[in-house]
């Protein structure tokens, strides 16, 4: 799939916080395999507008993420998805460790076009998300060959709770599993 994309970023201050917005239009040119088998073309984003507003209140950080995306495909169901994810996270830290509890509510609304014999319809999903990111820092100084070093051990624990909800009636416009990296270990969602 050859990516064709145009985007626009905008950052500003709003109500004492930071507002970051991202507008993109994305479509793919799909090249076929040499053996004649077809390659499935991803949905086109026509367009996607994402915004994140963030403001700190003492040890708390309030974030509001919003996104509206129009998904289009030549042979699959088209639709529009609106996402709203307000959350608050507290930051407690000192020299020897940290705890970052977070509460959020993930709201999603779909407006699906008619497809084949399926009529147009609306669908919603509402999920609470609770997570706690925590870690400890253990340090000790030691000498090796007359050179001073600091040895560090930093265990980390991350817990997320998202209730299970049947989503089999919702289209899979753009969900995919993230690649396995160190940062992926501490994400709320693996998709």
C-alpha atoms as a PDB file:
ATOM      1  CA  UNK A   1       0.000   0.000   0.000  1.00  0.00           C
ATOM      2  CA  UNK A   2       1.478   3.301  -1.130  1.00  0.00           C
ATOM      3  CA  UNK A   3       0.510   6.023   1.341  1.00  0.00           C
ATOM      4  CA  UNK A   4      -0.805   9.338  -0.011  1.00  0.00           C
ATOM      5  CA  UNK A   5      -1.351  11.834   2.785  1.00  0.00           C
ATOM      6  CA  UNK A   6      -1.753  15.547   3.430  1.00  0.00           C
ATOM      7  CA  UNK A   7      -1.893  17.024   6.934  1.00  0.00           C
ATOM      8  CA  UNK A   8      -1.991  20.224   8.895  1.00  0.00           C
ATOM      9  CA  UNK A   9      -0.954  20.739  12.552  1.00  0.00           C
ATOM     10  CA  UNK A  10      -1.995  23.596  14.809  1.00  0.00           C
ATOM     11  CA  UNK A  11      -0.940  24.320  18.409  1.00  0.00           C
ATOM     12  CA  UNK A  12      -2.353  27.124  20.562  1.00  0.00           C
ATOM     13  CA  UNK A  13      -3.371  28.086  24.094  1.00  0.00           C
ATOM     14  CA  UNK A  14      -7.023  27.797  25.100  1.00  0.00           C
ATOM     15  CA  UNK A  15      -8.609  28.401  28.514  1.00  0.00           C
ATOM     16  CA  UNK A  16      -5.208  28.287  30.219  1.00  0.00           C
ATOM     17  CA  UNK A  17      -4.293  24.932  28.661  1.00  0.00           C
ATOM     18  CA  UNK A  18      -2.636  23.685  25.497  1.00  0.00           C
ATOM     19  CA  UNK A  19      -4.705  22.732  22.439  1.00  0.00           C
ATOM     20  CA  UNK A  20      -3.068  20.588  19.761  1.00  0.00           C
ATOM     21  CA  UNK A  21      -5.018  19.828  16.588  1.00  0.00           C
ATOM     22  CA  UNK A  22      -4.183  17.623  13.628  1.00  0.00           C
ATOM     23  CA  UNK A  23      -6.110  17.463  10.340  1.00  0.00           C
ATOM     24  CA  UNK A  24      -5.248  14.753   7.847  1.00  0.00           C
ATOM     25  CA  UNK A  25      -6.518  13.283   4.613  1.00  0.00           C
ATOM     26  CA  UNK A  26      -5.098   9.867   3.764  1.00  0.00           C
ATOM     27  CA  UNK A  27      -5.658   7.426   0.925  1.00  0.00           C
ATOM     28  CA  UNK A  28      -3.675   4.464  -0.347  1.00  0.00           C
ATOM     29  CA  UNK A  29      -2.689   3.234  -3.777  1.00  0.00           C
ATOM     30  CA  UNK A  30      -2.648  -0.542  -3.543  1.00  0.00           C
ATOM     31  CA  UNK A  31      -0.151  -2.507  -5.602  1.00  0.00           C
ATOM     32  CA  UNK A  32      -0.963  -6.139  -6.351  1.00  0.00           C
ATOM     33  CA  UNK A  33       1.310  -9.111  -5.628  1.00  0.00           C
ATOM     34  CA  UNK A  34       3.276 -10.762  -8.467  1.00  0.00           C
ATOM     35  CA  UNK A  35       1.402 -14.029  -7.946  1.00  0.00           C
ATOM     36  CA  UNK A  36      -1.911 -12.346  -8.847  1.00  0.00           C
ATOM     37  CA  UNK A  37      -3.403 -12.480  -5.364  1.00  0.00           C
ATOM     38  CA  UNK A  38      -5.139  -9.308  -4.260  1.00  0.00           C
ATOM     39  CA  UNK A  39      -3.999  -7.132  -1.389  1.00  0.00           C
ATOM     40  CA  UNK A  40      -6.709  -5.625   0.813  1.00  0.00           C
ATOM     41  CA  UNK A  41      -6.743  -1.843   0.619  1.00  0.00           C
ATOM     42  CA  UNK A  42      -7.065   0.047   3.944  1.00  0.00           C
ATOM     43  CA  UNK A  43      -9.850   2.553   4.533  1.00  0.00           C
ATOM     44  CA  UNK A  44      -9.245   6.117   3.347  1.00  0.00           C
ATOM     45  CA  UNK A  45      -9.448   8.911   5.930  1.00  0.00           C
ATOM     46  CA  UNK A  46     -11.492  11.584   4.211  1.00  0.00           C
ATOM     47  CA  UNK A  47     -10.728  13.540   6.504  1.00  0.00           C
ATOM     48  CA  UNK A  48      -9.695  13.010  10.156  1.00  0.00           C
ATOM     49  CA  UNK A  49      -9.623  15.857  12.669  1.00  0.00           C
ATOM     50  CA  UNK A  50      -8.010  15.132  16.062  1.00  0.00           C
ATOM     51  CA  UNK A  51      -7.627  17.565  18.965  1.00  0.00           C
ATOM     52  CA  UNK A  52      -6.169  17.231  22.447  1.00  0.00           C
ATOM     53  CA  UNK A  53      -6.611  19.840  25.185  1.00  0.00           C
ATOM     54  CA  UNK A  54      -4.442  19.514  28.296  1.00  0.00           C
ATOM     55  CA  UNK A  55      -4.175  21.583  31.472  1.00  0.00           C
ATOM     56  CA  UNK A  56      -2.449  20.986  34.800  1.00  0.00           C
ATOM     57  CA  UNK A  57      -4.152  21.636  38.133  1.00  0.00           C
ATOM     58  CA  UNK A  58      -1.510  21.056  40.825  1.00  0.00           C
ATOM     59  CA  UNK A  59      -0.671  17.332  40.803  1.00  0.00           C
ATOM     60  CA  UNK A  60      -3.556  16.599  38.404  1.00  0.00           C
ATOM     61  CA  UNK A  61      -3.508  16.767  34.630  1.00  0.00           C
ATOM     62  CA  UNK A  62      -6.798  17.054  32.743  1.00  0.00           C
ATOM     63  CA  UNK A  63      -6.841  15.821  29.134  1.00  0.00           C
ATOM     64  CA  UNK A  64      -9.678  15.893  26.629  1.00  0.00           C
ATOM     65  CA  UNK A  65      -9.105  14.031  23.378  1.00  0.00           C
ATOM     66  CA  UNK A  66     -11.567  14.372  20.530  1.00  0.00           C
ATOM     67  CA  UNK A  67     -11.546  12.954  17.029  1.00  0.00           C
ATOM     68  CA  UNK A  68     -13.898  12.816  14.074  1.00  0.00           C
ATOM     69  CA  UNK A  69     -13.048  10.617  11.102  1.00  0.00           C
ATOM     70  CA  UNK A  70     -14.814   9.878   7.834  1.00  0.00           C
ATOM     71  CA  UNK A  71     -13.868   6.389   6.590  1.00  0.00           C
ATOM     72  CA  UNK A  72     -14.339   5.537   2.919  1.00  0.00           C
ATOM     73  CA  UNK A  73     -13.706   2.329   0.994  1.00  0.00           C
ATOM     74  CA  UNK A  74     -14.628   1.162  -2.509  1.00  0.00           C
ATOM     75  CA  UNK A  75     -15.985  -2.272  -1.504  1.00  0.00           C
ATOM     76  CA  UNK A  76     -16.676  -2.026   2.253  1.00  0.00           C
ATOM     77  CA  UNK A  77     -19.112  -0.145   4.476  1.00  0.00           C
ATOM     78  CA  UNK A  78     -18.381   3.584   4.829  1.00  0.00           C
ATOM     79  CA  UNK A  79     -19.029   5.592   7.943  1.00  0.00           C
ATOM     80  CA  UNK A  80     -18.112   8.366  10.347  1.00  0.00           C
ATOM     81  CA  UNK A  81     -16.698   7.820  13.826  1.00  0.00           C
ATOM     82  CA  UNK A  82     -16.604  10.392  16.624  1.00  0.00           C
ATOM     83  CA  UNK A  83     -14.405   9.741  19.680  1.00  0.00           C
ATOM     84  CA  UNK A  84     -14.349  11.716  22.930  1.00  0.00           C
ATOM     85  CA  UNK A  85     -11.973  10.690  25.718  1.00  0.00           C
ATOM     86  CA  UNK A  86     -11.822  12.975  28.766  1.00  0.00           C
ATOM     87  CA  UNK A  87      -9.419  11.854  31.496  1.00  0.00           C
ATOM     88  CA  UNK A  88      -7.685  13.063  34.639  1.00  0.00           C
ATOM     89  CA  UNK A  89      -4.326  11.784  35.842  1.00  0.00           C
ATOM     90  CA  UNK A  90      -2.568  12.547  39.109  1.00  0.00           C
ATOM     91  CA  UNK A  91       1.234  12.740  39.346  1.00  0.00           C
ATOM     92  CA  UNK A  92       2.752  11.819  42.694  1.00  0.00           C
ATOM     93  CA  UNK A  93       6.534  11.455  42.682  1.00  0.00           C
ATOM     94  CA  UNK A  94       9.637  11.814  44.809  1.00  0.00           C
ATOM     95  CA  UNK A  95      13.264  10.619  44.666  1.00  0.00           C
ATOM     96  CA  UNK A  96      12.509   6.959  45.228  1.00  0.00           C
ATOM     97  CA  UNK A  97       9.389   6.419  43.119  1.00  0.00           C
ATOM     98  CA  UNK A  98       6.167   7.557  41.511  1.00  0.00           C
ATOM     99  CA  UNK A  99       2.464   6.703  41.268  1.00  0.00           C
ATOM    100  CA  UNK A 100       0.259   8.020  38.447  1.00  0.00           C
ATOM    101  CA  UNK A 101      -3.404   6.968  38.828  1.00  0.00           C
ATOM    102  CA  UNK A 102      -5.688   7.862  35.901  1.00  0.00           C
ATOM    103  CA  UNK A 103      -9.468   7.858  35.342  1.00  0.00           C
ATOM    104  CA  UNK A 104     -11.079   8.340  31.966  1.00  0.00           C
ATOM    105  CA  UNK A 105     -14.219   7.706  29.954  1.00  0.00           C
ATOM    106  CA  UNK A 106     -13.949   6.608  26.316  1.00  0.00           C
ATOM    107  CA  UNK A 107     -17.038   7.537  24.290  1.00  0.00           C
ATOM    108  CA  UNK A 108     -17.457   6.486  20.655  1.00  0.00           C
ATOM    109  CA  UNK A 109     -20.292   7.131  18.209  1.00  0.00           C
ATOM    110  CA  UNK A 110     -20.605   5.623  14.753  1.00  0.00           C
ATOM    111  CA  UNK A 111     -22.774   6.864  11.882  1.00  0.00           C
ATOM    112  CA  UNK A 112     -22.653   4.007   9.384  1.00  0.00           C
ATOM    113  CA  UNK A 113     -23.816   4.319   5.785  1.00  0.00           C
ATOM    114  CA  UNK A 114     -26.061   1.745   4.151  1.00  0.00           C
ATOM    115  CA  UNK A 115     -24.110  -1.151   2.675  1.00  0.00           C
ATOM    116  CA  UNK A 116     -25.462  -3.852   0.326  1.00  0.00           C
ATOM    117  CA  UNK A 117     -28.723  -4.897   2.027  1.00  0.00           C
ATOM    118  CA  UNK A 118     -27.794  -3.352   5.409  1.00  0.00           C
ATOM    119  CA  UNK A 119     -29.539  -0.022   6.105  1.00  0.00           C
ATOM    120  CA  UNK A 120     -27.749   3.006   7.526  1.00  0.00           C
ATOM    121  CA  UNK A 121     -27.495   2.937  11.311  1.00  0.00           C
ATOM    122  CA  UNK A 122     -25.989   4.562  14.394  1.00  0.00           C
ATOM    123  CA  UNK A 123     -24.054   2.826  17.155  1.00  0.00           C
ATOM    124  CA  UNK A 124     -22.426   4.012  20.387  1.00  0.00           C
ATOM    125  CA  UNK A 125     -19.895   2.638  22.830  1.00  0.00           C
ATOM    126  CA  UNK A 126     -19.094   3.970  26.305  1.00  0.00           C
ATOM    127  CA  UNK A 127     -16.230   2.532  28.373  1.00  0.00           C
ATOM    128  CA  UNK A 128     -14.634   3.654  31.635  1.00  0.00           C
ATOM    129  CA  UNK A 129     -10.845   3.289  31.785  1.00  0.00           C
ATOM    130  CA  UNK A 130      -8.863   3.077  35.025  1.00  0.00           C
ATOM    131  CA  UNK A 131      -5.085   2.771  35.087  1.00  0.00           C
ATOM    132  CA  UNK A 132      -2.225   3.082  37.569  1.00  0.00           C
ATOM    133  CA  UNK A 133       1.375   3.528  36.485  1.00  0.00           C
ATOM    134  CA  UNK A 134       3.916   3.167  39.295  1.00  0.00           C
ATOM    135  CA  UNK A 135       7.609   2.617  39.776  1.00  0.00           C
ATOM    136  CA  UNK A 136      10.429   2.573  42.295  1.00  0.00           C
ATOM    137  CA  UNK A 137      14.031   3.746  41.955  1.00  0.00           C
ATOM    138  CA  UNK A 138      16.843   2.003  43.818  1.00  0.00           C
ATOM    139  CA  UNK A 139      20.337   3.446  43.477  1.00  0.00           C
ATOM    140  CA  UNK A 140      23.658   2.610  45.023  1.00  0.00           C
ATOM    141  CA  UNK A 141      27.102   3.950  44.445  1.00  0.00           C
ATOM    142  CA  UNK A 142      30.034   1.622  43.942  1.00  0.00           C
ATOM    143  CA  UNK A 143      33.585   1.712  42.676  1.00  0.00           C
ATOM    144  CA  UNK A 144      35.144  -0.482  40.032  1.00  0.00           C
ATOM    145  CA  UNK A 145      38.821  -0.110  39.102  1.00  0.00           C
ATOM    146  CA  UNK A 146      39.004   3.187  40.966  1.00  0.00           C
ATOM    147  CA  UNK A 147      36.113   4.577  38.927  1.00  0.00           C
ATOM    148  CA  UNK A 148      32.845   5.689  40.612  1.00  0.00           C
ATOM    149  CA  UNK A 149      29.517   4.351  39.288  1.00  0.00           C
ATOM    150  CA  UNK A 150      25.846   4.462  40.228  1.00  0.00           C
ATOM    151  CA  UNK A 151      23.947   1.205  39.917  1.00  0.00           C
ATOM    152  CA  UNK A 152      20.212   1.643  39.336  1.00  0.00           C
ATOM    153  CA  UNK A 153      17.265  -0.748  39.536  1.00  0.00           C
ATOM    154  CA  UNK A 154      13.886   0.677  38.468  1.00  0.00           C
ATOM    155  CA  UNK A 155      10.994  -1.815  38.695  1.00  0.00           C
ATOM    156  CA  UNK A 156       7.734  -0.579  37.194  1.00  0.00           C
ATOM    157  CA  UNK A 157       4.144  -1.778  37.520  1.00  0.00           C
ATOM    158  CA  UNK A 158       1.330  -0.773  35.173  1.00  0.00           C
ATOM    159  CA  UNK A 159      -2.307  -1.812  35.647  1.00  0.00           C
ATOM    160  CA  UNK A 160      -5.246  -1.036  33.356  1.00  0.00           C
ATOM    161  CA  UNK A 161      -8.894  -1.935  33.728  1.00  0.00           C
ATOM    162  CA  UNK A 162     -11.247  -1.616  30.764  1.00  0.00           C
ATOM    163  CA  UNK A 163     -14.486  -3.622  31.004  1.00  0.00           C
ATOM    164  CA  UNK A 164     -15.167  -6.178  28.304  1.00  0.00           C
ATOM    165  CA  UNK A 165     -17.815  -5.103  25.826  1.00  0.00           C
ATOM    166  CA  UNK A 166     -19.049  -6.963  22.745  1.00  0.00           C
ATOM    167  CA  UNK A 167     -18.047  -4.882  19.724  1.00  0.00           C
ATOM    168  CA  UNK A 168     -18.652  -7.467  17.012  1.00  0.00           C
ATOM    169  CA  UNK A 169     -21.414  -5.313  15.481  1.00  0.00           C
ATOM    170  CA  UNK A 170     -19.001  -2.395  14.954  1.00  0.00           C
ATOM    171  CA  UNK A 171     -16.851  -2.137  11.811  1.00  0.00           C
ATOM    172  CA  UNK A 172     -13.070  -2.451  12.068  1.00  0.00           C
ATOM    173  CA  UNK A 173     -12.141   0.731  10.238  1.00  0.00           C
ATOM    174  CA  UNK A 174      -8.572   1.174  11.450  1.00  0.00           C
ATOM    175  CA  UNK A 175      -7.844  -0.977  14.504  1.00  0.00           C
ATOM    176  CA  UNK A 176      -4.632  -2.976  14.457  1.00  0.00           C
ATOM    177  CA  UNK A 177      -2.354  -4.345  17.121  1.00  0.00           C
ATOM    178  CA  UNK A 178       0.588  -2.070  17.939  1.00  0.00           C
ATOM    179  CA  UNK A 179       4.102  -3.360  17.418  1.00  0.00           C
ATOM    180  CA  UNK A 180       5.766  -4.795  20.510  1.00  0.00           C
ATOM    181  CA  UNK A 181       8.077  -2.163  22.009  1.00  0.00           C
ATOM    182  CA  UNK A 182       9.130  -1.066  25.493  1.00  0.00           C
ATOM    183  CA  UNK A 183       6.691   1.871  25.386  1.00  0.00           C
ATOM    184  CA  UNK A 184       3.861  -0.467  24.341  1.00  0.00           C
ATOM    185  CA  UNK A 185       4.149  -2.241  27.706  1.00  0.00           C
ATOM    186  CA  UNK A 186       2.787   0.888  29.442  1.00  0.00           C
ATOM    187  CA  UNK A 187      -0.120   1.850  27.155  1.00  0.00           C
ATOM    188  CA  UNK A 188      -3.767   1.679  28.147  1.00  0.00           C
ATOM    189  CA  UNK A 189      -4.769   0.012  24.908  1.00  0.00           C
ATOM    190  CA  UNK A 190      -2.768  -2.433  22.810  1.00  0.00           C
ATOM    191  CA  UNK A 191      -4.748  -1.517  19.647  1.00  0.00           C
END
